[in-house]
Amino acid sequence: MLADRLARAITLAGPIPLSQFMAAANAHYYATRDPLGARGDFTTAPEISQMFGELIGLWLADLWDRAGRPASRYVELGPGRGTLAADALRAMAKAGLEPGVDLVETSPTLRAAQAERVPHAEWHLDLIGLPEDMPLLVVANEFFDALPIRQLVATGNGWRERLVACQDTLFLPIAGDRSFDMIIPRHLLHAEPGSILETSPASVAVLRGLAQRLLAQGGAALIVDYGYEGPAIGDTFQAVRGHQYANPFDQPGEADLTAHVDFATLKEAAEAEGLVVHGPVTQGAFLRALGIEARTEALAKAAPERAEALAADRDRLVGDAAMGELFKVIALTAPGWPVPAGFE
């Protein structure tokens, strides 16, 4: 078991950074199961309603059309079961866009599910293998939240990195010995002891790699995730198992570990690379701008017996008390590409 291997490693070599603990746990978790749906641990927007993927597909087709209809590739980071890709590609095809498909996925279990829905796709472990000869139309829905984070904790002796220690088989967070005051924003230096500041170097690295591709090849990326505009104090590290919150330090590799995405940092990194950044806006505002109300009505008209369920799905996607407010959306475009819909 992963928990036993981590316990032995920590016992022998000492506490490890939270980022290392999270990376090991999620690598095991995603490699060994399909975590989605009623029988899994959580449900994402594409699994709630076909409308989500369809609207994103039409968003991409509109942007591609106004960019001059270049030969392009559809790229999805962490595509789950392939549901979003299948819905988006179906909508794109109706608008005249039929790109090749590249899916960035490390899980063999999820790759198998994706192959059933998008059989003509090509798979990659990271961005390195993506085609280099044409613009990329990139979607990352609930991808960045699962990337490893570092946590810094304020103590009476300054800021320290949060490490994971182990007693027997019990994992618990502790403050390390090394000072990190030199990287703390000045206005947060004297925060109350116990305050947590999160960073995600892994997210910034992926964002920069993606930005360099878009700058060199053209194209756009749409990032949808739950998060905030930071930097801000707060502990968002969490675990979900069986659609319930769980202790993130309990049974590593058996729950989905995530943290809220710092959209301000992603925006800053993209702009530093030279991309044009649009947003962030809330998921609710974005989907409404793309016409989710009209799409709900059209589907209900075609299947009146589903009208109530369709309205409930729409409300779950856009409602302030559901996903509409917590989830944010940003778009990144190569210089010279049009302003995307929903961000005018």
C-alpha atoms as a PDB file:
ATOM      1  CA  MET A   1       0.000   0.000   0.000  1.00  0.00           C
ATOM      2  CA  LEU A   2       1.087   3.546  -0.684  1.00  0.00           C
ATOM      3  CA  ALA A   3       0.509   4.530   2.957  1.00  0.00           C
ATOM      4  CA  ASP A   4       2.991   1.876   4.102  1.00  0.00           C
ATOM      5  CA  ARG A   5       5.607   2.970   1.557  1.00  0.00           C
ATOM      6  CA  LEU A   6       5.252   6.637   2.541  1.00  0.00           C
ATOM      7  CA  ALA A   7       5.390   5.758   6.235  1.00  0.00           C
ATOM      8  CA  ARG A   8       8.638   3.824   5.746  1.00  0.00           C
ATOM      9  CA  ALA A   9      10.180   6.615   3.678  1.00  0.00           C
ATOM     10  CA  ILE A  10       9.298   9.300   6.225  1.00  0.00           C
ATOM     11  CA  THR A  11      10.459   7.153   9.140  1.00  0.00           C
ATOM     12  CA  LEU A  12      13.821   6.580   7.455  1.00  0.00           C
ATOM     13  CA  ALA A  13      14.481  10.011   5.908  1.00  0.00           C
ATOM     14  CA  GLY A  14      12.312  12.427   7.894  1.00  0.00           C
ATOM     15  CA  PRO A  15       9.250  14.569   7.101  1.00  0.00           C
ATOM     16  CA  ILE A  16       8.510  15.379   3.452  1.00  0.00           C
ATOM     17  CA  PRO A  17       7.024  18.551   1.886  1.00  0.00           C
ATOM     18  CA  LEU A  18       3.246  18.562   1.486  1.00  0.00           C
ATOM     19  CA  SER A  19       3.764  18.868  -2.283  1.00  0.00           C
ATOM     20  CA  GLN A  20       5.616  15.530  -2.342  1.00  0.00           C
ATOM     21  CA  PHE A  21       2.919  13.854  -0.232  1.00  0.00           C
ATOM     22  CA  MET A  22       0.140  15.215  -2.484  1.00  0.00           C
ATOM     23  CA  ALA A  23       1.936  14.252  -5.704  1.00  0.00           C
ATOM     24  CA  ALA A  24       2.505  10.665  -4.551  1.00  0.00           C
ATOM     25  CA  ALA A  25      -1.054  10.280  -3.258  1.00  0.00           C
ATOM     26  CA  ASN A  26      -2.716  11.621  -6.411  1.00  0.00           C
ATOM     27  CA  ALA A  27      -0.457   9.650  -8.758  1.00  0.00           C
ATOM     28  CA  HIS A  28      -1.525   6.439  -7.033  1.00  0.00           C
ATOM     29  CA  TYR A  29      -5.163   7.510  -6.774  1.00  0.00           C
ATOM     30  CA  TYR A  30      -5.680   8.343 -10.440  1.00  0.00           C
ATOM     31  CA  ALA A  31      -3.657   5.377 -11.708  1.00  0.00           C
ATOM     32  CA  THR A  32      -5.812   2.847  -9.887  1.00  0.00           C
ATOM     33  CA  ARG A  33      -9.448   3.860 -10.492  1.00  0.00           C
ATOM     34  CA  ASP A  34     -12.110   5.849 -12.333  1.00  0.00           C
ATOM     35  CA  PRO A  35     -12.933   8.432  -9.652  1.00  0.00           C
ATOM     36  CA  LEU A  36     -15.925  10.012 -11.391  1.00  0.00           C
ATOM     37  CA  GLY A  37     -19.678   9.612 -11.092  1.00  0.00           C
ATOM     38  CA  ALA A  38     -22.068   8.196  -8.526  1.00  0.00           C
ATOM     39  CA  ARG A  39     -19.891   5.154  -7.867  1.00  0.00           C
ATOM     40  CA  GLY A  40     -16.726   7.249  -7.681  1.00  0.00           C
ATOM     41  CA  ASP A  41     -15.653  10.053  -5.387  1.00  0.00           C
ATOM     42  CA  PHE A  42     -16.718  13.230  -7.201  1.00  0.00           C
ATOM     43  CA  THR A  43     -18.605  14.585 -10.224  1.00  0.00           C
ATOM     44  CA  THR A  44     -17.341  17.240 -12.643  1.00  0.00           C
ATOM     45  CA  ALA A  45     -19.314  19.693 -14.784  1.00  0.00           C
ATOM     46  CA  PRO A  46     -19.156  17.609 -18.017  1.00  0.00           C
ATOM     47  CA  GLU A  47     -20.629  14.640 -16.126  1.00  0.00           C
ATOM     48  CA  ILE A  48     -23.503  16.799 -14.850  1.00  0.00           C
ATOM     49  CA  SER A  49     -24.710  17.924 -18.273  1.00  0.00           C
ATOM     50  CA  GLN A  50     -23.835  17.682 -21.960  1.00  0.00           C
ATOM     51  CA  MET A  51     -24.470  21.422 -22.136  1.00  0.00           C
ATOM     52  CA  PHE A  52     -21.125  22.185 -20.489  1.00  0.00           C
ATOM     53  CA  GLY A  53     -19.019  20.450 -23.118  1.00  0.00           C
ATOM     54  CA  GLU A  54     -21.239  21.582 -25.978  1.00  0.00           C
ATOM     55  CA  LEU A  55     -20.929  25.246 -25.028  1.00  0.00           C
ATOM     56  CA  ILE A  56     -17.154  24.957 -24.698  1.00  0.00           C
ATOM     57  CA  GLY A  57     -17.013  23.309 -28.119  1.00  0.00           C
ATOM     58  CA  LEU A  58     -19.022  26.147 -29.654  1.00  0.00           C
ATOM     59  CA  TRP A  59     -16.809  28.668 -27.811  1.00  0.00           C
ATOM     60  CA  LEU A  60     -13.742  27.115 -29.436  1.00  0.00           C
ATOM     61  CA  ALA A  61     -15.387  26.942 -32.871  1.00  0.00           C
ATOM     62  CA  ASP A  62     -16.373  30.609 -32.697  1.00  0.00           C
ATOM     63  CA  LEU A  63     -12.861  31.659 -31.723  1.00  0.00           C
ATOM     64  CA  TRP A  64     -11.317  29.472 -34.436  1.00  0.00           C
ATOM     65  CA  ASP A  65     -13.706  30.918 -37.030  1.00  0.00           C
ATOM     66  CA  ARG A  66     -12.824  34.508 -36.131  1.00  0.00           C
ATOM     67  CA  ALA A  67      -9.109  33.617 -36.132  1.00  0.00           C
ATOM     68  CA  GLY A  68      -9.365  32.664 -39.802  1.00  0.00           C
ATOM     69  CA  ARG A  69     -10.157  28.942 -39.516  1.00  0.00           C
ATOM     70  CA  PRO A  70      -6.561  27.680 -39.237  1.00  0.00           C
ATOM     71  CA  ALA A  71      -5.736  23.959 -39.151  1.00  0.00           C
ATOM     72  CA  SER A  72      -5.739  23.231 -35.402  1.00  0.00           C
ATOM     73  CA  ARG A  73      -5.504  20.543 -32.728  1.00  0.00           C
ATOM     74  CA  TYR A  74      -7.899  20.117 -29.808  1.00  0.00           C
ATOM     75  CA  VAL A  75      -5.920  19.518 -26.614  1.00  0.00           C
ATOM     76  CA  GLU A  76      -7.391  18.614 -23.243  1.00  0.00           C
ATOM     77  CA  LEU A  77      -5.422  18.409 -20.004  1.00  0.00           C
ATOM     78  CA  GLY A  78      -6.717  15.820 -17.566  1.00  0.00           C
ATOM     79  CA  PRO A  79      -9.766  14.847 -19.648  1.00  0.00           C
ATOM     80  CA  GLY A  80     -11.442  12.554 -17.106  1.00  0.00           C
ATOM     81  CA  ARG A  81     -13.613  10.002 -18.888  1.00  0.00           C
ATOM     82  CA  GLY A  82     -13.474  11.972 -22.154  1.00  0.00           C
ATOM     83  CA  THR A  83     -17.021  13.238 -21.711  1.00  0.00           C
ATOM     84  CA  LEU A  84     -16.150  16.911 -22.180  1.00  0.00           C
ATOM     85  CA  ALA A  85     -14.040  16.138 -25.243  1.00  0.00           C
ATOM     86  CA  ALA A  86     -16.801  14.052 -26.848  1.00  0.00           C
ATOM     87  CA  ASP A  87     -19.456  16.718 -26.257  1.00  0.00           C
ATOM     88  CA  ALA A  88     -17.184  19.571 -27.361  1.00  0.00           C
ATOM     89  CA  LEU A  89     -16.021  17.781 -30.515  1.00  0.00           C
ATOM     90  CA  ARG A  90     -19.611  16.967 -31.496  1.00  0.00           C
ATOM     91  CA  ALA A  91     -20.566  20.647 -31.176  1.00  0.00           C
ATOM     92  CA  MET A  92     -17.428  21.792 -33.018  1.00  0.00           C
ATOM     93  CA  ALA A  93     -18.133  19.462 -35.930  1.00  0.00           C
ATOM     94  CA  LYS A  94     -21.572  21.006 -36.395  1.00  0.00           C
ATOM     95  CA  ALA A  95     -19.833  24.395 -36.667  1.00  0.00           C
ATOM     96  CA  GLY A  96     -17.348  23.120 -39.241  1.00  0.00           C
ATOM     97  CA  LEU A  97     -14.370  22.533 -36.934  1.00  0.00           C
ATOM     98  CA  GLU A  98     -12.995  18.978 -36.898  1.00  0.00           C
ATOM     99  CA  PRO A  99      -9.526  19.139 -35.331  1.00  0.00           C
ATOM    100  CA  GLY A 100      -7.191  16.323 -34.463  1.00  0.00           C
ATOM    101  CA  VAL A 101      -7.346  15.411 -30.782  1.00  0.00           C
ATOM    102  CA  ASP A 102      -4.564  15.238 -28.203  1.00  0.00           C
ATOM    103  CA  LEU A 103      -5.314  14.170 -24.638  1.00  0.00           C
ATOM    104  CA  VAL A 104      -2.793  14.699 -21.850  1.00  0.00           C
ATOM    105  CA  GLU A 105      -3.449  11.889 -19.388  1.00  0.00           C
ATOM    106  CA  THR A 106      -1.243   9.726 -17.153  1.00  0.00           C
ATOM    107  CA  SER A 107      -3.872   7.305 -15.800  1.00  0.00           C
ATOM    108  CA  PRO A 108      -4.220   3.995 -17.713  1.00  0.00           C
ATOM    109  CA  THR A 109      -7.720   3.556 -16.263  1.00  0.00           C
ATOM    110  CA  LEU A 110      -8.917   6.938 -17.496  1.00  0.00           C
ATOM    111  CA  ARG A 111      -7.177   6.535 -20.861  1.00  0.00           C
ATOM    112  CA  ALA A 112      -9.258   3.419 -21.431  1.00  0.00           C
ATOM    113  CA  ALA A 113     -12.464   5.339 -20.634  1.00  0.00           C
ATOM    114  CA  GLN A 114     -11.406   8.187 -22.927  1.00  0.00           C
ATOM    115  CA  ALA A 115     -10.697   5.779 -25.782  1.00  0.00           C
ATOM    116  CA  GLU A 116     -14.306   4.606 -25.705  1.00  0.00           C
ATOM    117  CA  ARG A 117     -15.603   8.163 -26.160  1.00  0.00           C
ATOM    118  CA  VAL A 118     -12.853   9.647 -28.348  1.00  0.00           C
ATOM    119  CA  PRO A 119     -11.320   6.651 -30.138  1.00  0.00           C
ATOM    120  CA  HIS A 120      -9.344   8.697 -32.654  1.00  0.00           C
ATOM    121  CA  ALA A 121      -7.424  10.673 -30.027  1.00  0.00           C
ATOM    122  CA  GLU A 122      -3.679  10.630 -29.453  1.00  0.00           C
ATOM    123  CA  TRP A 123      -2.440  10.417 -25.860  1.00  0.00           C
ATOM    124  CA  HIS A 124       0.458  12.136 -24.119  1.00  0.00           C
ATOM    125  CA  LEU A 125       1.932  12.058 -20.614  1.00  0.00           C
ATOM    126  CA  ASP A 126       2.697  15.796 -20.685  1.00  0.00           C
ATOM    127  CA  LEU A 127       2.883  18.804 -22.995  1.00  0.00           C
ATOM    128  CA  ILE A 128       6.184  17.771 -24.551  1.00  0.00           C
ATOM    129  CA  GLY A 129       4.706  15.349 -27.073  1.00  0.00           C
ATOM    130  CA  LEU A 130       2.046  17.701 -28.438  1.00  0.00           C
ATOM    131  CA  PRO A 131       2.202  18.619 -32.151  1.00  0.00           C
ATOM    132  CA  GLU A 132       4.308  21.685 -32.878  1.00  0.00           C
ATOM    133  CA  ASP A 133       3.154  22.619 -36.372  1.00  0.00           C
ATOM    134  CA  MET A 134      -0.254  24.264 -35.838  1.00  0.00           C
ATOM    135  CA  PRO A 135      -2.356  26.281 -33.364  1.00  0.00           C
ATOM    136  CA  LEU A 136      -3.620  24.507 -30.247  1.00  0.00           C
ATOM    137  CA  LEU A 137      -7.132  24.823 -28.824  1.00  0.00           C
ATOM    138  CA  VAL A 138      -6.616  23.815 -25.201  1.00  0.00           C
ATOM    139  CA  VAL A 139      -9.142  23.024 -22.457  1.00  0.00           C
ATOM    140  CA  ALA A 140      -8.258  22.338 -18.808  1.00  0.00           C
ATOM    141  CA  ASN A 141     -11.322  21.655 -16.678  1.00  0.00           C
ATOM    142  CA  GLU A 142     -10.576  20.770 -13.043  1.00  0.00           C
ATOM    143  CA  PHE A 143      -6.966  20.032 -13.937  1.00  0.00           C
ATOM    144  CA  PHE A 144      -4.945  22.594 -11.988  1.00  0.00           C
ATOM    145  CA  ASP A 145      -6.695  21.903  -8.665  1.00  0.00           C
ATOM    146  CA  ALA A 146      -5.116  18.428  -8.486  1.00  0.00           C
ATOM    147  CA  LEU A 147      -1.532  19.619  -9.081  1.00  0.00           C
ATOM    148  CA  PRO A 148       0.711  19.565  -5.988  1.00  0.00           C
ATOM    149  CA  ILE A 149       0.820  22.608  -3.736  1.00  0.00           C
ATOM    150  CA  ARG A 150       3.294  23.842  -1.179  1.00  0.00           C
ATOM    151  CA  GLN A 151       1.975  25.318   2.052  1.00  0.00           C
ATOM    152  CA  LEU A 152       3.823  27.873   4.151  1.00  0.00           C
ATOM    153  CA  VAL A 153       2.699  28.346   7.745  1.00  0.00           C
ATOM    154  CA  ALA A 154       3.216  31.379   9.979  1.00  0.00           C
ATOM    155  CA  THR A 155       4.861  30.548  13.311  1.00  0.00           C
ATOM    156  CA  GLY A 156       6.114  32.577  16.250  1.00  0.00           C
ATOM    157  CA  ASN A 157       9.546  32.425  14.589  1.00  0.00           C
ATOM    158  CA  GLY A 158       8.465  33.434  11.084  1.00  0.00           C
ATOM    159  CA  TRP A 159       7.204  31.507   8.070  1.00  0.00           C
ATOM    160  CA  ARG A 160       8.051  27.833   7.633  1.00  0.00           C
ATOM    161  CA  GLU A 161       7.170  25.177   5.050  1.00  0.00           C
ATOM    162  CA  ARG A 162       4.461  22.721   6.054  1.00  0.00           C
ATOM    163  CA  LEU A 163       5.829  19.197   6.042  1.00  0.00           C
ATOM    164  CA  VAL A 164       4.176  15.817   6.528  1.00  0.00           C
ATOM    165  CA  ALA A 165       5.472  13.679   9.391  1.00  0.00           C
ATOM    166  CA  CYS A 166       4.452  10.166  10.356  1.00  0.00           C
ATOM    167  CA  GLN A 167       3.886   8.502  13.717  1.00  0.00           C
ATOM    168  CA  ASP A 168       3.357   4.757  13.239  1.00  0.00           C
ATOM    169  CA  THR A 169       0.944   4.956  10.261  1.00  0.00           C
ATOM    170  CA  LEU A 170      -0.586   8.299  11.214  1.00  0.00           C
ATOM    171  CA  PHE A 171       0.347  11.172   8.901  1.00  0.00           C
ATOM    172  CA  LEU A 172       0.201  14.708  10.256  1.00  0.00           C
ATOM    173  CA  PRO A 173       1.349  18.179   9.181  1.00  0.00           C
ATOM    174  CA  ILE A 174       4.176  19.927  11.011  1.00  0.00           C
ATOM    175  CA  ALA A 175       6.165  23.134  10.496  1.00  0.00           C
ATOM    176  CA  GLY A 176       9.695  22.699   9.170  1.00  0.00           C
ATOM    177  CA  ASP A 177      12.813  24.422  10.531  1.00  0.00           C
ATOM    178  CA  ARG A 178      13.843  26.458   7.477  1.00  0.00           C
ATOM    179  CA  SER A 179      12.743  30.101   7.198  1.00  0.00           C
ATOM    180  CA  PHE A 180      10.745  31.198   4.142  1.00  0.00           C
ATOM    181  CA  ASP A 181      10.268  34.847   5.163  1.00  0.00           C
ATOM    182  CA  MET A 182      12.192  35.988   2.076  1.00  0.00           C
ATOM    183  CA  ILE A 183       9.431  34.857  -0.331  1.00  0.00           C
ATOM    184  CA  ILE A 184       6.406  36.003   1.669  1.00  0.00           C
ATOM    185  CA  PRO A 185       4.533  39.100   0.376  1.00  0.00           C
ATOM    186  CA  ARG A 186       5.378  42.008   2.660  1.00  0.00           C
ATOM    187  CA  HIS A 187       1.772  42.590   3.765  1.00  0.00           C
ATOM    188  CA  LEU A 188       1.561  38.976   4.966  1.00  0.00           C
ATOM    189  CA  LEU A 189       4.885  38.789   6.809  1.00  0.00           C
ATOM    190  CA  HIS A 190       3.368  39.381  10.244  1.00  0.00           C
ATOM    191  CA  ALA A 191       0.242  37.258   9.848  1.00  0.00           C
ATOM    192  CA  GLU A 192      -1.190  35.468  12.866  1.00  0.00           C
ATOM    193  CA  PRO A 193       0.636  32.243  13.817  1.00  0.00           C
ATOM    194  CA  GLY A 194      -1.094  29.308  12.167  1.00  0.00           C
ATOM    195  CA  SER A 195      -1.929  31.263   8.997  1.00  0.00           C
ATOM    196  CA  ILE A 196      -1.405  29.272   5.793  1.00  0.00           C
ATOM    197  CA  LEU A 197      -0.154  30.579   2.423  1.00  0.00           C
ATOM    198  CA  GLU A 198      -0.379  28.222  -0.529  1.00  0.00           C
ATOM    199  CA  THR A 199       1.729  28.204  -3.684  1.00  0.00           C
ATOM    200  CA  SER A 200       1.801  25.792  -6.618  1.00  0.00           C
ATOM    201  CA  PRO A 201       5.112  25.813  -8.505  1.00  0.00           C
ATOM    202  CA  ALA A 202       3.830  22.803 -10.479  1.00  0.00           C
ATOM    203  CA  SER A 203       0.850  24.816 -11.763  1.00  0.00           C
ATOM    204  CA  VAL A 204       3.073  27.723 -12.793  1.00  0.00           C
ATOM    205  CA  ALA A 205       5.426  25.339 -14.610  1.00  0.00           C
ATOM    206  CA  VAL A 206       2.557  23.795 -16.595  1.00  0.00           C
ATOM    207  CA  LEU A 207       1.127  27.240 -17.352  1.00  0.00           C
ATOM    208  CA  ARG A 208       4.472  28.503 -18.626  1.00  0.00           C
ATOM    209  CA  GLY A 209       4.961  25.436 -20.811  1.00  0.00           C
ATOM    210  CA  LEU A 210       1.518  25.910 -22.266  1.00  0.00           C
ATOM    211  CA  ALA A 211       2.130  29.620 -22.818  1.00  0.00           C
ATOM    212  CA  GLN A 212       5.326  28.951 -24.742  1.00  0.00           C
ATOM    213  CA  ARG A 213       3.444  26.565 -27.055  1.00  0.00           C
ATOM    214  CA  LEU A 214       0.665  29.072 -27.727  1.00  0.00           C
ATOM    215  CA  LEU A 215       3.180  31.852 -28.401  1.00  0.00           C
ATOM    216  CA  ALA A 216       5.105  29.697 -30.858  1.00  0.00           C
ATOM    217  CA  GLN A 217       2.133  28.043 -32.577  1.00  0.00           C
ATOM    218  CA  GLY A 218      -0.888  30.276 -31.977  1.00  0.00           C
ATOM    219  CA  GLY A 219      -4.133  29.249 -30.389  1.00  0.00           C
ATOM    220  CA  ALA A 220      -5.954  29.627 -27.094  1.00  0.00           C
ATOM    221  CA  ALA A 221      -6.519  27.905 -23.771  1.00  0.00           C
ATOM    222  CA  LEU A 222      -9.580  27.810 -21.541  1.00  0.00           C
ATOM    223  CA  ILE A 223      -9.003  27.042 -17.855  1.00  0.00           C
ATOM    224  CA  VAL A 224     -11.986  26.212 -15.627  1.00  0.00           C
ATOM    225  CA  ASP A 225     -11.518  25.368 -11.966  1.00  0.00           C
ATOM    226  CA  TYR A 226     -12.574  26.258  -8.464  1.00  0.00           C
ATOM    227  CA  GLY A 227     -10.397  28.903  -6.919  1.00  0.00           C
ATOM    228  CA  TYR A 228      -9.746  32.484  -5.951  1.00  0.00           C
ATOM    229  CA  GLU A 229      -7.799  35.566  -6.961  1.00  0.00           C
ATOM    230  CA  GLY A 230      -4.789  35.469  -4.630  1.00  0.00           C
ATOM    231  CA  PRO A 231      -2.374  35.576  -3.029  1.00  0.00           C
ATOM    232  CA  ALA A 232      -4.452  35.162   0.103  1.00  0.00           C
ATOM    233  CA  ILE A 233      -4.201  33.522   3.479  1.00  0.00           C
ATOM    234  CA  GLY A 234      -6.128  30.266   3.820  1.00  0.00           C
ATOM    235  CA  ASP A 235      -5.835  26.481   3.909  1.00  0.00           C
ATOM    236  CA  THR A 236      -7.718  24.954   0.944  1.00  0.00           C
ATOM    237  CA  PHE A 237      -6.006  21.543   0.921  1.00  0.00           C
ATOM    238  CA  GLN A 238      -8.803  18.983   0.947  1.00  0.00           C
ATOM    239  CA  ALA A 239      -9.744  15.373   0.239  1.00  0.00           C
ATOM    240  CA  VAL A 240     -12.935  13.959  -1.247  1.00  0.00           C
ATOM    241  CA  ARG A 241     -13.947  10.317  -0.913  1.00  0.00           C
ATOM    242  CA  GLY A 242     -17.365   8.935  -1.757  1.00  0.00           C
ATOM    243  CA  HIS A 243     -18.691  12.460  -2.472  1.00  0.00           C
ATOM    244  CA  GLN A 244     -17.837  13.478   1.117  1.00  0.00           C
ATOM    245  CA  TYR A 245     -14.993  15.548   2.500  1.00  0.00           C
ATOM    246  CA  ALA A 246     -12.347  13.470   4.261  1.00  0.00           C
ATOM    247  CA  ASN A 247      -9.125  13.977   6.201  1.00  0.00           C
ATOM    248  CA  PRO A 248      -6.492  14.636   3.498  1.00  0.00           C
ATOM    249  CA  PHE A 249      -3.783  12.997   5.622  1.00  0.00           C
ATOM    250  CA  ASP A 250      -5.758   9.769   6.113  1.00  0.00           C
ATOM    251  CA  GLN A 251      -5.081   6.823   3.775  1.00  0.00           C
ATOM    252  CA  PRO A 252      -3.038   8.621   1.091  1.00  0.00           C
ATOM    253  CA  GLY A 253      -3.837   7.408  -2.412  1.00  0.00           C
ATOM    254  CA  GLU A 254      -7.415   6.469  -1.526  1.00  0.00           C
ATOM    255  CA  ALA A 255      -9.006   9.944  -1.896  1.00  0.00           C
ATOM    256  CA  ASP A 256      -8.849  12.814  -4.391  1.00  0.00           C
ATOM    257  CA  LEU A 257      -6.525  15.509  -2.997  1.00  0.00           C
ATOM    258  CA  THR A 258      -7.033  19.027  -4.326  1.00  0.00           C
ATOM    259  CA  ALA A 259      -6.526  22.696  -3.488  1.00  0.00           C
ATOM    260  CA  HIS A 260      -8.201  25.841  -4.732  1.00  0.00           C
ATOM    261  CA  VAL A 261      -6.513  27.414  -7.755  1.00  0.00           C
ATOM    262  CA  ASP A 262      -4.862  30.827  -7.406  1.00  0.00           C
ATOM    263  CA  PHE A 263      -6.059  32.454 -10.630  1.00  0.00           C
ATOM    264  CA  ALA A 264      -4.111  35.664 -10.018  1.00  0.00           C
ATOM    265  CA  THR A 265      -0.842  33.730 -10.079  1.00  0.00           C
ATOM    266  CA  LEU A 266      -1.812  31.861 -13.269  1.00  0.00           C
ATOM    267  CA  LYS A 267      -2.773  35.157 -14.901  1.00  0.00           C
ATOM    268  CA  GLU A 268       0.499  36.780 -13.880  1.00  0.00           C
ATOM    269  CA  ALA A 269       2.544  33.853 -15.204  1.00  0.00           C
ATOM    270  CA  ALA A 270       0.707  33.860 -18.552  1.00  0.00           C
ATOM    271  CA  GLU A 271       1.123  37.609 -18.993  1.00  0.00           C
ATOM    272  CA  ALA A 272       4.808  37.362 -18.088  1.00  0.00           C
ATOM    273  CA  GLU A 273       5.233  34.899 -20.969  1.00  0.00           C
ATOM    274  CA  GLY A 274       3.484  37.278 -23.373  1.00  0.00           C
ATOM    275  CA  LEU A 275      -0.016  35.827 -23.691  1.00  0.00           C
ATOM    276  CA  VAL A 276      -3.205  37.866 -23.621  1.00  0.00           C
ATOM    277  CA  VAL A 277      -5.296  36.917 -20.577  1.00  0.00           C
ATOM    278  CA  HIS A 278      -9.071  37.297 -20.428  1.00  0.00           C
ATOM    279  CA  GLY A 279     -10.839  37.076 -17.088  1.00  0.00           C
ATOM    280  CA  PRO A 280     -11.144  35.450 -14.681  1.00  0.00           C
ATOM    281  CA  VAL A 281     -14.936  35.458 -14.670  1.00  0.00           C
ATOM    282  CA  THR A 282     -17.227  33.149 -12.733  1.00  0.00           C
ATOM    283  CA  GLN A 283     -18.398  29.916 -14.364  1.00  0.00           C
ATOM    284  CA  GLY A 284     -21.987  31.075 -13.947  1.00  0.00           C
ATOM    285  CA  ALA A 285     -21.394  34.325 -15.817  1.00  0.00           C
ATOM    286  CA  PHE A 286     -19.378  32.551 -18.511  1.00  0.00           C
ATOM    287  CA  LEU A 287     -21.967  29.874 -19.264  1.00  0.00           C
ATOM    288  CA  ARG A 288     -24.798  32.383 -19.265  1.00  0.00           C
ATOM    289  CA  ALA A 289     -22.877  34.545 -21.732  1.00  0.00           C
ATOM    290  CA  LEU A 290     -22.485  31.499 -23.985  1.00  0.00           C
ATOM    291  CA  GLY A 291     -26.230  30.847 -23.980  1.00  0.00           C
ATOM    292  CA  ILE A 292     -26.840  28.056 -21.493  1.00  0.00           C
ATOM    293  CA  GLU A 293     -30.375  29.328 -20.862  1.00  0.00           C
ATOM    294  CA  ALA A 294     -31.295  29.008 -24.547  1.00  0.00           C
ATOM    295  CA  ARG A 295     -29.618  25.611 -24.797  1.00  0.00           C
ATOM    296  CA  THR A 296     -31.572  24.361 -21.771  1.00  0.00           C
ATOM    297  CA  GLU A 297     -34.824  25.515 -23.370  1.00  0.00           C
ATOM    298  CA  ALA A 298     -33.971  23.843 -26.689  1.00  0.00           C
ATOM    299  CA  LEU A 299     -33.174  20.515 -25.036  1.00  0.00           C
ATOM    300  CA  ALA A 300     -36.327  20.722 -22.903  1.00  0.00           C
ATOM    301  CA  LYS A 301     -38.444  21.409 -25.983  1.00  0.00           C
ATOM    302  CA  ALA A 302     -36.997  18.332 -27.680  1.00  0.00           C
ATOM    303  CA  ALA A 303     -37.523  16.180 -24.571  1.00  0.00           C
ATOM    304  CA  PRO A 304     -40.309  17.707 -22.404  1.00  0.00           C
ATOM    305  CA  GLU A 305     -40.113  14.822 -19.930  1.00  0.00           C
ATOM    306  CA  ARG A 306     -36.556  15.935 -19.069  1.00  0.00           C
ATOM    307  CA  ALA A 307     -37.342  19.642 -18.650  1.00  0.00           C
ATOM    308  CA  GLU A 308     -37.162  19.616 -14.864  1.00  0.00           C
ATOM    309  CA  ALA A 309     -33.929  17.610 -14.776  1.00  0.00           C
ATOM    310  CA  LEU A 310     -32.342  19.875 -17.402  1.00  0.00           C
ATOM    311  CA  ALA A 311     -33.218  22.976 -15.393  1.00  0.00           C
ATOM    312  CA  ALA A 312     -31.719  21.374 -12.269  1.00  0.00           C
ATOM    313  CA  ASP A 313     -28.505  20.558 -14.142  1.00  0.00           C
ATOM    314  CA  ARG A 314     -28.288  24.120 -15.468  1.00  0.00           C
ATOM    315  CA  ASP A 315     -28.763  25.515 -11.971  1.00  0.00           C
ATOM    316  CA  ARG A 316     -26.050  23.267 -10.612  1.00  0.00           C
ATOM    317  CA  LEU A 317     -23.628  24.604 -13.225  1.00  0.00           C
ATOM    318  CA  VAL A 318     -24.453  28.302 -12.916  1.00  0.00           C
ATOM    319  CA  GLY A 319     -26.096  28.805  -9.511  1.00  0.00           C
ATOM    320  CA  ASP A 320     -24.203  30.961  -7.018  1.00  0.00           C
ATOM    321  CA  ALA A 321     -24.768  28.412  -4.264  1.00  0.00           C
ATOM    322  CA  ALA A 322     -23.607  25.549  -6.503  1.00  0.00           C
ATOM    323  CA  MET A 323     -20.710  25.761  -9.007  1.00  0.00           C
ATOM    324  CA  GLY A 324     -21.505  29.128 -10.569  1.00  0.00           C
ATOM    325  CA  GLU A 325     -19.644  31.384  -8.150  1.00  0.00           C
ATOM    326  CA  LEU A 326     -16.828  29.215  -6.760  1.00  0.00           C
ATOM    327  CA  PHE A 327     -15.645  28.047 -10.182  1.00  0.00           C
ATOM    328  CA  LYS A 328     -13.699  30.587 -12.241  1.00  0.00           C
ATOM    329  CA  VAL A 329     -12.798  30.743 -15.930  1.00  0.00           C
ATOM    330  CA  ILE A 330      -9.871  32.392 -17.686  1.00  0.00           C
ATOM    331  CA  ALA A 331      -8.924  32.334 -21.343  1.00  0.00           C
ATOM    332  CA  LEU A 332      -5.394  32.695 -22.689  1.00  0.00           C
ATOM    333  CA  THR A 333      -4.857  33.696 -26.301  1.00  0.00           C
ATOM    334  CA  ALA A 334      -1.811  34.113 -28.486  1.00  0.00           C
ATOM    335  CA  PRO A 335      -1.143  37.730 -29.510  1.00  0.00           C
ATOM    336  CA  GLY A 336      -3.278  38.666 -32.509  1.00  0.00           C
ATOM    337  CA  TRP A 337      -6.031  36.160 -31.763  1.00  0.00           C
ATOM    338  CA  PRO A 338      -9.564  37.525 -31.290  1.00  0.00           C
ATOM    339  CA  VAL A 339     -11.133  38.346 -27.920  1.00  0.00           C
ATOM    340  CA  PRO A 340     -13.014  35.158 -26.939  1.00  0.00           C
ATOM    341  CA  ALA A 341     -16.762  35.085 -26.345  1.00  0.00           C
ATOM    342  CA  GLY A 342     -17.769  35.578 -22.726  1.00  0.00           C
ATOM    343  CA  PHE A 343     -14.906  38.003 -22.060  1.00  0.00           C
ATOM    344  CA  GLU A 344     -15.887  41.008 -24.162  1.00  0.00           C
END
